N, C-alpha and C. Protein backbone atom coordinates (compact mmCIF):
# COMPACT_ATOMS: atom_id res chain seq x y z
N MET A 1 -16.82 53.35 9.26
CA MET A 1 -16.09 53.87 9.83
C MET A 1 -15.39 51.62 10.12
N SER A 2 -16.89 51.41 10.19
CA SER A 2 -16.63 49.80 9.81
C SER A 2 -16.14 49.85 8.43
N ALA A 3 -16.59 50.56 7.91
CA ALA A 3 -16.99 49.79 6.19
C ALA A 3 -15.27 50.27 5.43
N TYR A 4 -14.66 51.14 6.09
CA TYR A 4 -12.88 50.75 5.96
C TYR A 4 -12.38 49.91 5.94
N VAL A 5 -12.50 49.44 7.38
CA VAL A 5 -12.20 48.15 7.92
C VAL A 5 -12.33 47.41 7.46
N ALA A 6 -13.39 47.04 7.33
CA ALA A 6 -13.69 46.37 5.80
C ALA A 6 -13.53 46.03 4.93
N ALA A 7 -13.41 47.50 4.13
CA ALA A 7 -12.84 47.33 2.47
C ALA A 7 -11.20 46.76 2.53
N ALA A 8 -10.40 48.09 3.40
CA ALA A 8 -9.15 47.69 3.57
C ALA A 8 -9.53 46.05 4.17
N GLY A 9 -9.47 45.22 4.68
CA GLY A 9 -9.91 43.63 5.35
C GLY A 9 -9.48 42.96 4.42
N GLY A 10 -10.23 43.94 2.89
CA GLY A 10 -11.07 42.48 1.82
C GLY A 10 -9.38 42.37 1.62
N LEU A 11 -9.42 44.38 0.82
CA LEU A 11 -8.38 44.28 0.01
C LEU A 11 -6.49 44.25 0.27
N GLY A 12 -6.54 44.37 2.24
CA GLY A 12 -5.91 43.09 2.52
C GLY A 12 -5.72 41.95 2.69
N TRP A 13 -6.55 41.74 2.27
CA TRP A 13 -6.87 39.63 2.79
C TRP A 13 -5.68 39.26 0.51
N ILE A 14 -6.69 40.04 -0.49
CA ILE A 14 -6.56 40.27 -2.03
C ILE A 14 -5.36 40.00 -1.67
N TYR A 15 -4.12 41.45 -1.44
CA TYR A 15 -3.00 40.61 -2.08
C TYR A 15 -2.26 40.12 -0.85
N TYR A 16 -3.10 39.25 -0.59
CA TYR A 16 -1.83 38.01 0.81
C TYR A 16 -2.11 37.13 0.50
N ARG A 17 -3.20 36.47 -0.73
CA ARG A 17 -3.24 35.53 -1.43
C ARG A 17 -2.78 36.08 -2.44
N ARG A 18 -3.05 36.48 -3.45
CA ARG A 18 -2.09 36.74 -4.37
C ARG A 18 -0.63 36.59 -4.21
N ARG A 19 0.15 36.75 -3.31
CA ARG A 19 1.21 36.94 -2.80
C ARG A 19 1.89 35.66 -2.95
N ARG A 20 1.02 35.03 -2.07
CA ARG A 20 1.26 33.79 -1.40
C ARG A 20 0.72 32.47 -3.27
N ALA A 21 -0.48 32.85 -3.90
CA ALA A 21 -0.42 32.35 -5.44
C ALA A 21 1.32 31.86 -5.68
N VAL A 22 1.66 33.73 -5.90
CA VAL A 22 3.39 33.72 -6.50
C VAL A 22 4.14 32.72 -5.85
N VAL A 23 4.66 32.73 -4.51
CA VAL A 23 5.10 32.36 -4.07
C VAL A 23 5.08 31.00 -4.17
N GLU A 24 3.61 30.06 -4.31
CA GLU A 24 3.78 28.81 -4.37
C GLU A 24 3.64 28.46 -5.83
N GLU A 25 3.98 29.32 -7.20
CA GLU A 25 4.03 29.08 -7.58
C GLU A 25 5.27 28.94 -8.50
N ARG A 26 5.71 30.01 -7.89
CA ARG A 26 7.47 29.56 -8.24
C ARG A 26 8.26 28.35 -6.71
N ARG A 27 7.97 28.13 -5.84
CA ARG A 27 8.35 26.99 -5.05
C ARG A 27 7.79 25.41 -6.09
N ALA A 28 6.65 25.95 -6.47
CA ALA A 28 5.87 24.45 -7.20
C ALA A 28 7.11 24.23 -8.42
N ARG A 29 7.82 25.51 -9.40
CA ARG A 29 8.12 25.54 -10.77
C ARG A 29 9.15 24.83 -10.56
N GLU A 30 10.29 25.55 -8.72
CA GLU A 30 11.70 25.06 -8.55
C GLU A 30 11.24 24.08 -8.93
N ARG A 31 10.39 23.47 -6.96
CA ARG A 31 10.61 21.47 -7.97
C ARG A 31 9.98 21.08 -8.78
N ALA A 32 9.46 20.78 -10.07
CA ALA A 32 9.35 20.50 -10.56
C ALA A 32 10.59 20.66 -11.25
N ARG A 33 11.52 21.88 -11.80
CA ARG A 33 13.30 21.84 -11.82
C ARG A 33 14.20 20.80 -11.60
N LEU A 34 14.12 20.66 -9.57
CA LEU A 34 14.71 19.64 -9.62
C LEU A 34 14.34 17.72 -9.70
N ARG A 35 13.33 18.28 -9.53
CA ARG A 35 13.06 16.48 -9.85
C ARG A 35 13.48 16.51 -11.67
N LYS A 36 13.47 16.67 -12.84
CA LYS A 36 13.89 16.90 -14.12
C LYS A 36 15.24 16.68 -13.80
N LEU A 37 15.93 17.48 -13.39
CA LEU A 37 17.58 17.00 -12.55
C LEU A 37 18.26 16.04 -11.82
N ARG A 38 17.09 16.06 -11.19
CA ARG A 38 17.55 14.39 -10.70
C ARG A 38 16.79 13.35 -11.40
N LYS A 39 16.42 12.70 -11.69
CA LYS A 39 16.01 12.16 -13.04
C LYS A 39 16.26 12.07 -14.10
N LYS A 40 17.40 12.90 -14.26
CA LYS A 40 18.75 12.88 -15.02
C LYS A 40 19.74 12.83 -14.63
N GLY A 41 19.86 12.21 -13.41
CA GLY A 41 21.46 11.27 -12.75
C GLY A 41 22.03 13.36 -12.42
N LYS A 42 21.82 14.95 -12.30
CA LYS A 42 22.82 15.61 -12.06
C LYS A 42 21.77 16.43 -10.34
N GLY A 43 21.31 15.61 -10.06
CA GLY A 43 20.49 16.21 -8.56
C GLY A 43 21.50 16.59 -7.79
N LYS A 44 22.86 16.88 -7.56
CA LYS A 44 24.07 17.73 -6.71
C LYS A 44 23.84 18.27 -7.11
N SER A 45 23.65 20.07 -5.63
CA SER A 45 23.58 20.94 -5.76
C SER A 45 25.00 21.46 -6.12
N ARG A 46 24.55 23.05 -6.23
CA ARG A 46 25.73 23.82 -7.36
C ARG A 46 27.35 23.90 -7.08
N ARG A 47 27.12 24.16 -5.95
CA ARG A 47 28.16 24.09 -4.44
C ARG A 47 29.40 22.26 -4.72
N ALA A 48 29.18 22.52 -4.57
CA ALA A 48 29.50 20.18 -4.40
C ALA A 48 29.72 20.73 -6.16
N GLY A 49 28.80 20.22 -7.13
CA GLY A 49 29.65 19.87 -8.21
C GLY A 49 31.07 21.59 -8.85
N ALA A 50 30.88 22.74 -8.39
CA ALA A 50 31.58 23.71 -8.59
C ALA A 50 33.19 22.86 -7.94
N GLY A 51 33.67 22.52 -7.58
CA GLY A 51 34.70 22.24 -6.82
C GLY A 51 35.13 20.73 -7.64
N GLN A 52 33.82 20.28 -8.49
CA GLN A 52 35.44 19.64 -9.49
C GLN A 52 35.61 21.06 -10.03
């Protein structure tokens, strides 16, 4: 029983870590994209730009 709990916990932890890494990487990429846009002076939100 304890082996099952340990295995399930270990697999759950690995899955959690992998999901967190994917989300973090996506956020970092988005931040880099926004930083690049701000450098070009296009840091306005899409919604603000849509009214023009």
